[in-house]
Amino acid sequence: MLYLLEFTALALKCYDCTNMPGLSGVSKCDDGKVGSTTCGTFMDRCMTIKATMTVPTAGPFQFEMKNCSSSIVCNRDSPYNSELN
């Protein structure tokens, strides 16, 4: 007897947006039409970054980014994850 199994994986979908000035190609996080994207193979998490950045000539501004990420980056001990003080 021969059994063939077919595995169907559900693809993770995340919001894909930013309101950072100068970035194009994705929707704006602060308008009502936030886009989504299907995450790639090793992307197993949805990530949201909210931060304040200071530009020497323009002062501080707040921004937000949402997209796919990997649990490797989300791990607090990962070399790819750091907190700046």
C-alpha atoms as a PDB file:
ATOM      1  CA  MET A   1       0.000   0.000   0.000  1.00  0.00           C
ATOM      2  CA  LEU A   2       1.276   3.430  -0.887  1.00  0.00           C
ATOM      3  CA  TYR A   3       0.048   6.553   0.878  1.00  0.00           C
ATOM      4  CA  LEU A   4       0.683   9.973  -0.531  1.00  0.00           C
ATOM      5  CA  LEU A   5       0.289  12.885   1.811  1.00  0.00           C
ATOM      6  CA  GLU A   6      -0.081  16.428   0.652  1.00  0.00           C
ATOM      7  CA  PHE A   7       0.722  19.161   3.125  1.00  0.00           C
ATOM      8  CA  THR A   8      -0.823  22.543   2.629  1.00  0.00           C
ATOM      9  CA  ALA A   9       0.662  25.373   4.628  1.00  0.00           C
ATOM     10  CA  LEU A  10      -1.257  28.520   5.327  1.00  0.00           C
ATOM     11  CA  ALA A  11       0.765  31.556   4.384  1.00  0.00           C
ATOM     12  CA  LEU A  12       1.140  34.272   6.989  1.00  0.00           C
ATOM     13  CA  LYS A  13      -0.152  37.685   5.918  1.00  0.00           C
ATOM     14  CA  CYS A  14       0.916  40.886   7.659  1.00  0.00           C
ATOM     15  CA  TYR A  15       0.189  44.565   7.280  1.00  0.00           C
ATOM     16  CA  ASP A  16       2.777  46.261   5.085  1.00  0.00           C
ATOM     17  CA  CYS A  17       3.002  50.003   5.700  1.00  0.00           C
ATOM     18  CA  THR A  18       5.090  52.894   6.920  1.00  0.00           C
ATOM     19  CA  ASN A  19       4.608  56.573   7.560  1.00  0.00           C
ATOM     20  CA  MET A  20       8.349  57.293   7.440  1.00  0.00           C
ATOM     21  CA  PRO A  21       9.008  60.225   5.085  1.00  0.00           C
ATOM     22  CA  GLY A  22      10.793  59.383   1.865  1.00  0.00           C
ATOM     23  CA  LEU A  23       9.915  55.680   1.721  1.00  0.00           C
ATOM     24  CA  SER A  24       7.745  54.632  -1.174  1.00  0.00           C
ATOM     25  CA  GLY A  25       6.317  51.393  -2.496  1.00  0.00           C
ATOM     26  CA  VAL A  26       4.160  50.564   0.533  1.00  0.00           C
ATOM     27  CA  SER A  27       0.954  52.036   1.893  1.00  0.00           C
ATOM     28  CA  LYS A  28       0.913  54.660   4.636  1.00  0.00           C
ATOM     29  CA  CYS A  29       0.158  53.328   8.138  1.00  0.00           C
ATOM     30  CA  ASP A  30      -1.890  56.370   9.038  1.00  0.00           C
ATOM     31  CA  ASP A  31      -4.380  56.292   6.167  1.00  0.00           C
ATOM     32  CA  GLY A  32      -7.436  54.052   6.028  1.00  0.00           C
ATOM     33  CA  LYS A  33      -6.083  51.802   3.275  1.00  0.00           C
ATOM     34  CA  VAL A  34      -3.249  49.835   4.880  1.00  0.00           C
ATOM     35  CA  GLY A  35      -1.991  47.129   2.543  1.00  0.00           C
ATOM     36  CA  SER A  36      -0.963  43.587   3.397  1.00  0.00           C
ATOM     37  CA  THR A  37       1.651  41.193   2.102  1.00  0.00           C
ATOM     38  CA  THR A  38       2.137  37.426   2.128  1.00  0.00           C
ATOM     39  CA  CYS A  39       5.247  36.640   4.143  1.00  0.00           C
ATOM     40  CA  GLY A  40       8.173  34.692   2.732  1.00  0.00           C
ATOM     41  CA  THR A  41       9.405  31.279   3.821  1.00  0.00           C
ATOM     42  CA  PHE A  42      11.395  32.230   6.921  1.00  0.00           C
ATOM     43  CA  MET A  43       9.166  35.098   7.947  1.00  0.00           C
ATOM     44  CA  ASP A  44       7.026  33.695  10.752  1.00  0.00           C
ATOM     45  CA  ARG A  45       5.914  36.841  12.621  1.00  0.00           C
ATOM     46  CA  CYS A  46       4.239  40.157  11.976  1.00  0.00           C
ATOM     47  CA  MET A  47       6.210  43.113  13.324  1.00  0.00           C
ATOM     48  CA  THR A  48       5.278  46.669  14.259  1.00  0.00           C
ATOM     49  CA  ILE A  49       7.921  49.286  14.983  1.00  0.00           C
ATOM     50  CA  LYS A  50       6.931  52.581  16.582  1.00  0.00           C
ATOM     51  CA  ALA A  51       9.791  54.966  17.217  1.00  0.00           C
ATOM     52  CA  THR A  52      10.918  58.546  17.414  1.00  0.00           C
ATOM     53  CA  MET A  53      13.897  59.576  15.339  1.00  0.00           C
ATOM     54  CA  THR A  54      15.798  62.832  15.606  1.00  0.00           C
ATOM     55  CA  VAL A  55      17.201  64.344  12.445  1.00  0.00           C
ATOM     56  CA  PRO A  56      19.782  67.068  13.184  1.00  0.00           C
ATOM     57  CA  THR A  57      18.379  69.565  10.690  1.00  0.00           C
ATOM     58  CA  ALA A  58      14.683  68.740  11.125  1.00  0.00           C
ATOM     59  CA  GLY A  59      14.258  67.728  14.770  1.00  0.00           C
ATOM     60  CA  PRO A  60      12.358  64.727  16.128  1.00  0.00           C
ATOM     61  CA  PHE A  61       9.583  62.894  14.310  1.00  0.00           C
ATOM     62  CA  GLN A  62       7.608  59.763  15.116  1.00  0.00           C
ATOM     63  CA  PHE A  63       7.217  56.945  12.638  1.00  0.00           C
ATOM     64  CA  GLU A  64       5.620  53.524  12.374  1.00  0.00           C
ATOM     65  CA  MET A  65       6.438  50.499  10.226  1.00  0.00           C
ATOM     66  CA  LYS A  66       4.527  47.213   9.908  1.00  0.00           C
ATOM     67  CA  ASN A  67       5.724  44.182   7.952  1.00  0.00           C
ATOM     68  CA  CYS A  68       6.792  40.533   8.087  1.00  0.00           C
ATOM     69  CA  SER A  69       9.624  39.468  10.356  1.00  0.00           C
ATOM     70  CA  SER A  70      11.402  36.392  11.643  1.00  0.00           C
ATOM     71  CA  SER A  71      11.333  34.979  15.158  1.00  0.00           C
ATOM     72  CA  ILE A  72      15.149  35.122  15.014  1.00  0.00           C
ATOM     73  CA  VAL A  73      14.975  38.929  15.001  1.00  0.00           C
ATOM     74  CA  CYS A  74      12.258  38.998  17.665  1.00  0.00           C
ATOM     75  CA  ASN A  75      14.342  36.932  20.093  1.00  0.00           C
ATOM     76  CA  ARG A  76      15.617  39.300  22.794  1.00  0.00           C
ATOM     77  CA  ASP A  77      19.028  37.548  22.794  1.00  0.00           C
ATOM     78  CA  SER A  78      19.469  37.713  19.027  1.00  0.00           C
ATOM     79  CA  PRO A  79      22.398  39.791  17.717  1.00  0.00           C
ATOM     80  CA  TYR A  80      19.867  41.304  15.279  1.00  0.00           C
ATOM     81  CA  ASN A  81      17.761  42.732  18.099  1.00  0.00           C
ATOM     82  CA  SER A  82      19.116  45.612  20.112  1.00  0.00           C
ATOM     83  CA  GLU A  83      17.843  48.480  22.200  1.00  0.00           C
ATOM     84  CA  LEU A  84      19.429  51.866  21.841  1.00  0.00           C
ATOM     85  CA  ASN A  85      19.465  54.171  24.835  1.00  0.00           C
END
